[in-house]
Amino acid sequence: MNPNKKRVVVLSSTWVEEKAKLLAEKGLEVKHVVEQKEDLVLAELPSADFLIPGLRPITRQDMQRASRLLIVAVIGVGYNHVDLEAATDLGVYVTHNPGTNSDAVAEFTFGLLLALSRQIPDAWEDMKKGGWRGAGTTCSEIRGKTLGIIGLGRIGSRVSRIGGGFGMKVIACDPYIPEQNFRDAGAHPVTRDQAISQADFLTIHTPLTEETRKMIGDRELAMMKPSAFLINTARGEIVQPQAVRKALDGGILAGAALDVFEKEPPVDFPLNRHPKVILTPHIAGLSLEARSRMSLGSVEQVLQVLQGQKPSRALNDPKNPRML
């Protein structure tokens, strides 16, 4: 690849402008797109040599349309929204940025946990209506409660350590990590069913796979304590929202906090405005610091390809990469 040739980078609107300037300084033309405006995204794809998307699905058709595309540099760690098989077939590298937003997601998760346990949103809504000590006075402390974690990777481990700092008993399920990782995180290893049934607060931190898709449904929710809370900052498809609504309405579950959804933004979501639910717009990993780290990570991957190198965080290995 000729590094002096004018190339085009198409960026999602979640980018940190300071990092986008690093690409412009290398002679690249930088185009920002709002991913919710599908027609604008499709219009820019044919010109894209480098694509740094948010969470909009990147399909085989997209990559065929973007015939100049060399790399899809996923800004975060999750990449299930990119057709990896199609990218490999078409010679397009796909990269991600593991670890760049782990602290942000873990802290946000615990923020949701505290908001649920102390009924903070309810108290604020009551005050906005002129109330005083009407809501938020029947809540419970978290010290001594059991924190159940499904998925003890970077984020789950950080959540575990935060929970331990609050004096919680931490149990976790993750069949893919060694026992030492549990000790390092301060978590007691249990089975998935044990984590679900014993938790006062159950939080999900697994990637979306065929194994975890729709993992939390009627059966699992029926196992939970009626006083328990469910938190999901992983992927929306892991938790079945209709089952959560049924559990909440039936007194099987005390409350839930969800930052992720199967379709984003969610339309006709069954838990919208539910009095026992906190919903946030997939922002757990979008602290200023995390956005800066993720943006810089994607810049590095793009510049490696621009220089004719295989990207260091490649998720695939095309036999005939377009960059060559």
Protein backbone atom coordinates (compact mmCIF):
# COMPACT_ATOMS: atom_id res chain seq x y z
CA MET A 1 0.00 0.00 0.00
CA ASN A 2 1.24 3.47 -0.85
CA PRO A 3 1.12 5.39 2.47
CA ASN A 4 1.01 8.73 0.65
CA LYS A 5 -2.15 7.97 -1.27
CA LYS A 6 -5.27 9.74 -0.01
CA ARG A 7 -7.38 7.23 1.89
CA VAL A 8 -10.76 7.56 3.59
CA VAL A 9 -11.65 6.65 7.17
CA VAL A 10 -15.35 6.43 8.05
CA LEU A 11 -15.94 6.88 11.78
CA SER A 12 -18.94 6.42 14.03
CA SER A 13 -20.23 9.40 16.00
CA THR A 14 -18.94 8.00 19.35
CA TRP A 15 -15.39 9.02 18.50
CA VAL A 16 -13.13 11.35 20.40
CA GLU A 17 -12.29 14.20 18.01
CA GLU A 18 -8.75 14.56 19.34
CA LYS A 19 -7.94 11.02 18.21
CA ALA A 20 -9.59 11.53 14.82
CA LYS A 21 -7.12 14.35 14.23
CA LEU A 22 -4.29 11.81 14.47
CA LEU A 23 -5.68 10.17 11.34
CA ALA A 24 -6.04 13.46 9.50
CA GLU A 25 -2.44 14.29 10.35
CA LYS A 26 -1.41 11.14 8.46
CA GLY A 27 -3.10 12.45 5.33
CA LEU A 28 -6.32 10.47 5.68
CA GLU A 29 -9.69 11.96 4.88
CA VAL A 30 -11.90 11.50 7.93
CA LYS A 31 -15.67 11.21 7.54
CA HIS A 32 -18.00 11.12 10.54
CA VAL A 33 -21.35 9.31 10.28
CA VAL A 34 -24.32 9.06 12.62
CA GLU A 35 -25.00 5.34 12.68
CA GLN A 36 -28.71 5.71 13.30
CA LYS A 37 -29.04 7.35 9.87
CA GLU A 38 -28.78 4.24 7.73
CA ASP A 39 -29.00 6.03 4.38
CA LEU A 40 -26.01 8.22 5.24
CA VAL A 41 -23.95 5.23 6.36
CA LEU A 42 -24.69 3.32 3.16
CA ALA A 43 -23.79 6.38 1.09
CA GLU A 44 -20.32 6.56 2.67
CA LEU A 45 -19.41 2.87 2.53
CA PRO A 46 -18.19 2.80 -1.12
CA SER A 47 -15.55 5.44 -0.31
CA ALA A 48 -14.29 3.76 2.89
CA ASP A 49 -10.78 2.30 3.02
CA PHE A 50 -11.01 2.05 6.81
CA LEU A 51 -14.18 1.64 8.85
CA ILE A 52 -14.37 2.30 12.59
CA PRO A 53 -17.98 1.53 13.52
CA GLY A 54 -19.93 1.75 16.73
CA LEU A 55 -22.52 -0.97 17.26
CA ARG A 56 -24.28 -0.88 13.91
CA PRO A 57 -24.15 -4.40 12.38
CA ILE A 58 -21.51 -4.70 9.67
CA THR A 59 -22.78 -7.31 7.22
CA ARG A 60 -21.38 -9.14 4.23
CA GLN A 61 -23.42 -6.80 2.02
CA ASP A 62 -21.82 -3.79 3.69
CA MET A 63 -18.31 -5.10 3.04
CA GLN A 64 -19.18 -5.98 -0.54
CA ARG A 65 -20.56 -2.48 -0.99
CA ALA A 66 -17.34 -1.10 0.49
CA SER A 67 -15.13 -2.59 -2.18
CA ARG A 68 -12.10 -0.55 -1.05
CA LEU A 69 -12.44 -1.57 2.59
CA LEU A 70 -9.27 -2.92 4.20
CA ILE A 71 -10.15 -3.09 7.89
CA VAL A 72 -13.08 -2.88 10.28
CA ALA A 73 -11.51 -1.53 13.46
CA VAL A 74 -14.11 -2.18 16.15
CA ILE A 75 -13.87 0.57 18.72
CA GLY A 76 -14.68 -1.62 21.74
CA VAL A 77 -14.03 -5.21 22.72
CA GLY A 78 -17.22 -6.92 21.52
CA TYR A 79 -17.33 -7.77 17.82
CA ASN A 80 -20.40 -9.97 17.43
CA HIS A 81 -22.02 -7.22 15.33
CA VAL A 82 -19.41 -7.75 12.59
CA ASP A 83 -19.73 -10.68 10.17
CA LEU A 84 -16.27 -12.10 10.84
CA GLU A 85 -16.63 -14.97 8.38
CA ALA A 86 -17.62 -12.60 5.59
CA ALA A 87 -14.74 -10.28 6.42
CA THR A 88 -12.28 -13.18 6.19
CA ASP A 89 -13.78 -14.32 2.88
CA LEU A 90 -13.53 -10.82 1.45
CA GLY A 91 -9.99 -10.13 2.68
CA VAL A 92 -10.98 -7.54 5.29
CA TYR A 93 -9.23 -7.46 8.65
CA VAL A 94 -11.34 -7.06 11.79
CA THR A 95 -9.76 -5.76 15.01
CA HIS A 96 -10.94 -4.82 18.49
CA ASN A 97 -9.64 -3.16 21.67
CA PRO A 98 -9.80 -5.56 24.62
CA GLY A 99 -9.42 -4.04 28.07
CA THR A 100 -9.82 -0.40 27.05
CA ASN A 101 -13.22 0.09 28.68
CA SER A 102 -13.16 -2.56 31.41
CA ASP A 103 -12.92 -0.10 34.29
CA ALA A 104 -15.67 2.07 32.82
CA VAL A 105 -18.09 -0.84 32.44
CA ALA A 106 -17.27 -2.24 35.89
CA GLU A 107 -17.79 1.11 37.60
CA PHE A 108 -21.04 1.72 35.74
CA THR A 109 -22.25 -1.76 36.65
CA PHE A 110 -21.70 -1.01 40.29
CA GLY A 111 -23.42 2.32 39.86
CA LEU A 112 -26.50 0.48 38.62
CA LEU A 113 -26.22 -1.95 41.52
CA LEU A 114 -26.21 0.90 44.04
CA ALA A 115 -29.03 2.69 42.22
CA LEU A 116 -31.16 -0.45 42.45
CA SER A 117 -30.32 -1.29 46.05
CA ARG A 118 -30.85 2.24 47.40
CA GLN A 119 -33.71 3.18 45.02
CA ILE A 120 -31.85 6.33 43.97
CA PRO A 121 -33.80 6.98 40.72
CA ASP A 122 -37.12 6.62 42.58
CA ALA A 123 -36.05 9.09 45.25
CA TRP A 124 -34.94 11.60 42.62
CA GLU A 125 -38.19 11.27 40.66
CA ASP A 126 -40.15 11.74 43.90
CA MET A 127 -38.24 14.92 44.74
CA LYS A 128 -38.78 16.32 41.24
CA LYS A 129 -42.50 15.99 41.91
CA GLY A 130 -42.20 17.83 45.23
CA GLY A 131 -42.01 14.76 47.43
CA TRP A 132 -39.77 14.26 50.43
CA ARG A 133 -38.65 10.88 51.77
CA GLY A 134 -41.49 9.09 50.04
CA ALA A 135 -39.30 6.86 47.90
CA GLY A 136 -35.94 5.36 48.78
CA THR A 137 -36.62 4.77 52.47
CA THR A 138 -37.35 1.03 52.21
CA CYS A 139 -34.03 0.11 50.59
CA SER A 140 -31.30 -2.17 51.88
CA GLU A 141 -27.53 -1.97 52.33
CA ILE A 142 -25.30 -4.14 50.16
CA ARG A 143 -22.69 -5.05 52.78
CA GLY A 144 -22.95 -8.77 53.51
CA LYS A 145 -25.10 -9.43 50.45
CA THR A 146 -24.11 -11.97 47.79
CA LEU A 147 -22.88 -10.66 44.46
CA GLY A 148 -23.19 -13.27 41.71
CA ILE A 149 -21.12 -12.75 38.57
CA ILE A 150 -21.49 -14.69 35.33
CA GLY A 151 -18.30 -14.17 33.35
CA LEU A 152 -15.09 -13.39 35.23
CA GLY A 153 -13.00 -11.78 32.52
CA ARG A 154 -11.52 -8.29 32.78
CA ILE A 155 -14.82 -6.60 33.59
CA GLY A 156 -16.23 -9.33 35.81
CA SER A 157 -12.99 -9.48 37.80
CA ARG A 158 -13.05 -5.72 38.35
CA VAL A 159 -16.70 -5.88 39.48
CA SER A 160 -15.72 -8.67 41.87
CA ARG A 161 -12.98 -6.60 43.48
CA ILE A 162 -15.29 -3.60 43.83
CA GLY A 163 -17.91 -5.83 45.46
CA GLY A 164 -15.35 -7.17 47.87
CA GLY A 165 -14.43 -3.60 48.78
CA PHE A 166 -18.06 -3.00 49.74
CA GLY A 167 -18.02 -6.03 52.00
CA MET A 168 -20.07 -8.26 49.72
CA LYS A 169 -19.70 -12.00 49.39
CA VAL A 170 -18.69 -12.60 45.77
CA ILE A 171 -19.44 -15.80 43.85
CA ALA A 172 -18.73 -16.24 40.15
CA CYS A 173 -19.20 -18.65 37.28
CA ASP A 174 -16.77 -18.87 34.39
CA PRO A 175 -15.77 -22.31 33.10
CA TYR A 176 -13.10 -20.88 30.79
CA ILE A 177 -10.66 -19.35 33.27
CA PRO A 178 -8.25 -20.99 35.75
CA GLU A 179 -8.90 -21.18 39.48
CA GLN A 180 -6.15 -18.65 40.18
CA ASN A 181 -8.19 -15.97 38.41
CA PHE A 182 -11.01 -16.48 40.91
CA ARG A 183 -8.59 -16.05 43.80
CA ASP A 184 -7.06 -12.95 42.24
CA ALA A 185 -10.54 -11.42 41.83
CA GLY A 186 -11.67 -12.39 45.31
CA ALA A 187 -14.51 -14.55 44.01
CA HIS A 188 -15.62 -18.03 45.04
CA PRO A 189 -16.14 -20.32 42.01
CA VAL A 190 -19.63 -21.81 41.62
CA THR A 191 -21.76 -23.26 38.85
CA ARG A 192 -23.98 -21.00 36.79
CA ASP A 193 -27.13 -22.25 38.50
CA GLN A 194 -25.55 -21.66 41.91
CA ALA A 195 -24.59 -18.11 40.95
CA ILE A 196 -28.14 -17.43 39.79
CA SER A 197 -29.92 -18.99 42.77
CA GLN A 198 -27.64 -17.65 45.53
CA ALA A 199 -27.15 -14.08 44.31
CA ASP A 200 -28.76 -11.04 45.85
CA PHE A 201 -27.38 -9.14 42.86
CA LEU A 202 -26.69 -11.05 39.64
CA THR A 203 -24.58 -9.30 37.00
CA ILE A 204 -23.72 -10.54 33.50
CA HIS A 205 -20.26 -10.08 31.97
CA THR A 206 -19.98 -12.67 29.21
CA PRO A 207 -19.51 -12.18 25.48
CA LEU A 208 -22.43 -12.98 23.21
CA THR A 209 -22.00 -16.51 21.85
CA GLU A 210 -24.36 -19.30 20.87
CA GLU A 211 -23.85 -20.60 24.41
CA THR A 212 -24.84 -17.34 26.09
CA ARG A 213 -27.55 -16.14 23.70
CA LYS A 214 -30.88 -16.01 25.64
CA MET A 215 -29.03 -17.49 28.61
CA ILE A 216 -31.25 -15.74 31.18
CA GLY A 217 -34.88 -16.72 30.63
CA ASP A 218 -37.88 -18.12 32.50
CA ARG A 219 -36.02 -21.08 33.99
CA GLU A 220 -33.12 -19.02 35.31
CA LEU A 221 -35.24 -16.19 36.66
CA ALA A 222 -37.45 -18.67 38.52
CA MET A 223 -34.32 -19.80 40.38
CA MET A 224 -33.52 -16.33 41.70
CA LYS A 225 -34.47 -14.98 45.11
CA PRO A 226 -37.62 -12.85 45.04
CA SER A 227 -35.53 -10.10 46.66
CA ALA A 228 -32.76 -10.32 44.04
CA PHE A 229 -31.76 -7.83 41.33
CA LEU A 230 -30.50 -8.51 37.80
CA ILE A 231 -27.96 -6.30 36.01
CA ASN A 232 -26.86 -6.64 32.37
CA THR A 233 -24.14 -4.46 30.88
CA ALA A 234 -22.85 -7.17 28.51
CA ARG A 235 -25.07 -7.79 25.45
CA GLY A 236 -28.82 -7.44 25.16
CA GLU A 237 -29.37 -10.81 23.51
CA ILE A 238 -28.14 -12.64 26.63
CA VAL A 239 -31.21 -11.71 28.71
CA GLN A 240 -34.78 -12.34 27.53
CA PRO A 241 -36.71 -9.13 28.34
CA GLN A 242 -40.17 -10.72 28.16
CA ALA A 243 -39.08 -13.25 30.78
CA VAL A 244 -37.73 -10.44 32.97
CA ARG A 245 -41.02 -8.57 32.75
CA LYS A 246 -42.94 -11.71 33.68
CA ALA A 247 -40.64 -12.31 36.66
CA LEU A 248 -40.98 -8.71 37.86
CA ASP A 249 -44.75 -8.68 37.52
CA GLY A 250 -45.03 -12.05 39.22
CA GLY A 251 -42.91 -11.10 42.23
CA ILE A 252 -40.16 -13.53 41.27
CA LEU A 253 -37.59 -10.75 40.84
CA ALA A 254 -37.22 -7.48 42.77
CA GLY A 255 -35.74 -5.33 40.03
CA ALA A 256 -33.45 -5.09 37.03
CA ALA A 257 -31.02 -2.67 35.38
CA LEU A 258 -30.20 -3.01 31.69
CA ASP A 259 -27.72 -0.99 29.65
CA VAL A 260 -27.86 -3.19 26.53
CA PHE A 261 -30.59 -4.28 24.15
CA GLU A 262 -31.03 -6.68 21.26
CA LYS A 263 -31.99 -3.80 18.98
CA GLU A 264 -30.45 -0.43 19.68
CA PRO A 265 -32.07 1.99 20.17
CA PRO A 266 -34.83 -0.31 21.50
CA VAL A 267 -38.28 0.00 19.94
CA ASP A 268 -41.41 -1.18 21.78
CA PHE A 269 -39.16 -2.66 24.46
CA PRO A 270 -41.26 -4.67 26.98
CA LEU A 271 -39.53 -3.11 30.00
CA ASN A 272 -39.91 0.53 29.01
CA ARG A 273 -41.22 2.59 31.95
CA HIS A 274 -41.45 -0.46 34.20
CA PRO A 275 -41.38 0.81 37.80
CA LYS A 276 -38.87 -1.82 38.89
CA VAL A 277 -36.41 -1.31 36.03
CA ILE A 278 -33.56 1.10 35.29
CA LEU A 279 -32.69 1.44 31.59
CA THR A 280 -29.64 3.26 30.22
CA PRO A 281 -28.64 3.73 26.54
CA HIS A 282 -25.60 1.41 26.24
CA ILE A 283 -23.23 3.88 27.87
CA ALA A 284 -21.47 1.71 30.46
CA GLY A 285 -18.22 1.70 28.50
CA LEU A 286 -18.37 5.29 27.27
CA SER A 287 -16.55 7.27 29.92
CA LEU A 288 -14.33 10.02 28.54
CA GLU A 289 -11.23 8.04 29.48
CA ALA A 290 -12.48 4.81 27.92
CA ARG A 291 -13.58 6.53 24.72
CA SER A 292 -10.13 8.06 24.43
CA ARG A 293 -8.40 4.70 24.94
CA MET A 294 -10.71 2.91 22.50
CA SER A 295 -10.31 5.60 19.86
CA LEU A 296 -6.54 5.55 20.18
CA GLY A 297 -6.52 1.76 19.92
CA SER A 298 -8.47 1.86 16.67
CA VAL A 299 -6.20 4.60 15.31
CA GLU A 300 -3.22 2.33 15.93
CA GLN A 301 -4.84 -0.55 14.04
CA VAL A 302 -5.73 1.66 11.07
CA LEU A 303 -2.22 3.11 10.87
CA GLN A 304 -0.67 -0.34 10.96
CA VAL A 305 -2.73 -1.36 7.92
CA LEU A 306 -1.94 1.97 6.24
CA GLN A 307 1.74 1.05 6.58
CA GLY A 308 1.14 -2.37 5.03
CA GLN A 309 1.34 -4.29 8.31
CA LYS A 310 -0.99 -6.91 9.68
CA PRO A 311 -2.91 -5.24 12.54
CA SER A 312 -1.69 -6.38 15.95
CA ARG A 313 -5.19 -6.97 17.33
CA ALA A 314 -6.59 -8.82 14.34
CA LEU A 315 -9.47 -11.18 15.06
CA ASN A 316 -9.15 -12.95 11.72
CA ASP A 317 -6.47 -13.92 9.23
CA PRO A 318 -7.66 -13.49 5.62
CA LYS A 319 -5.77 -15.61 3.13
CA ASN A 320 -5.90 -12.84 0.56
CA PRO A 321 -6.10 -9.56 2.45
CA ARG A 322 -7.22 -6.60 0.37
CA MET A 323 -4.40 -4.51 1.80
CA LEU A 324 -1.96 -6.57 -0.30
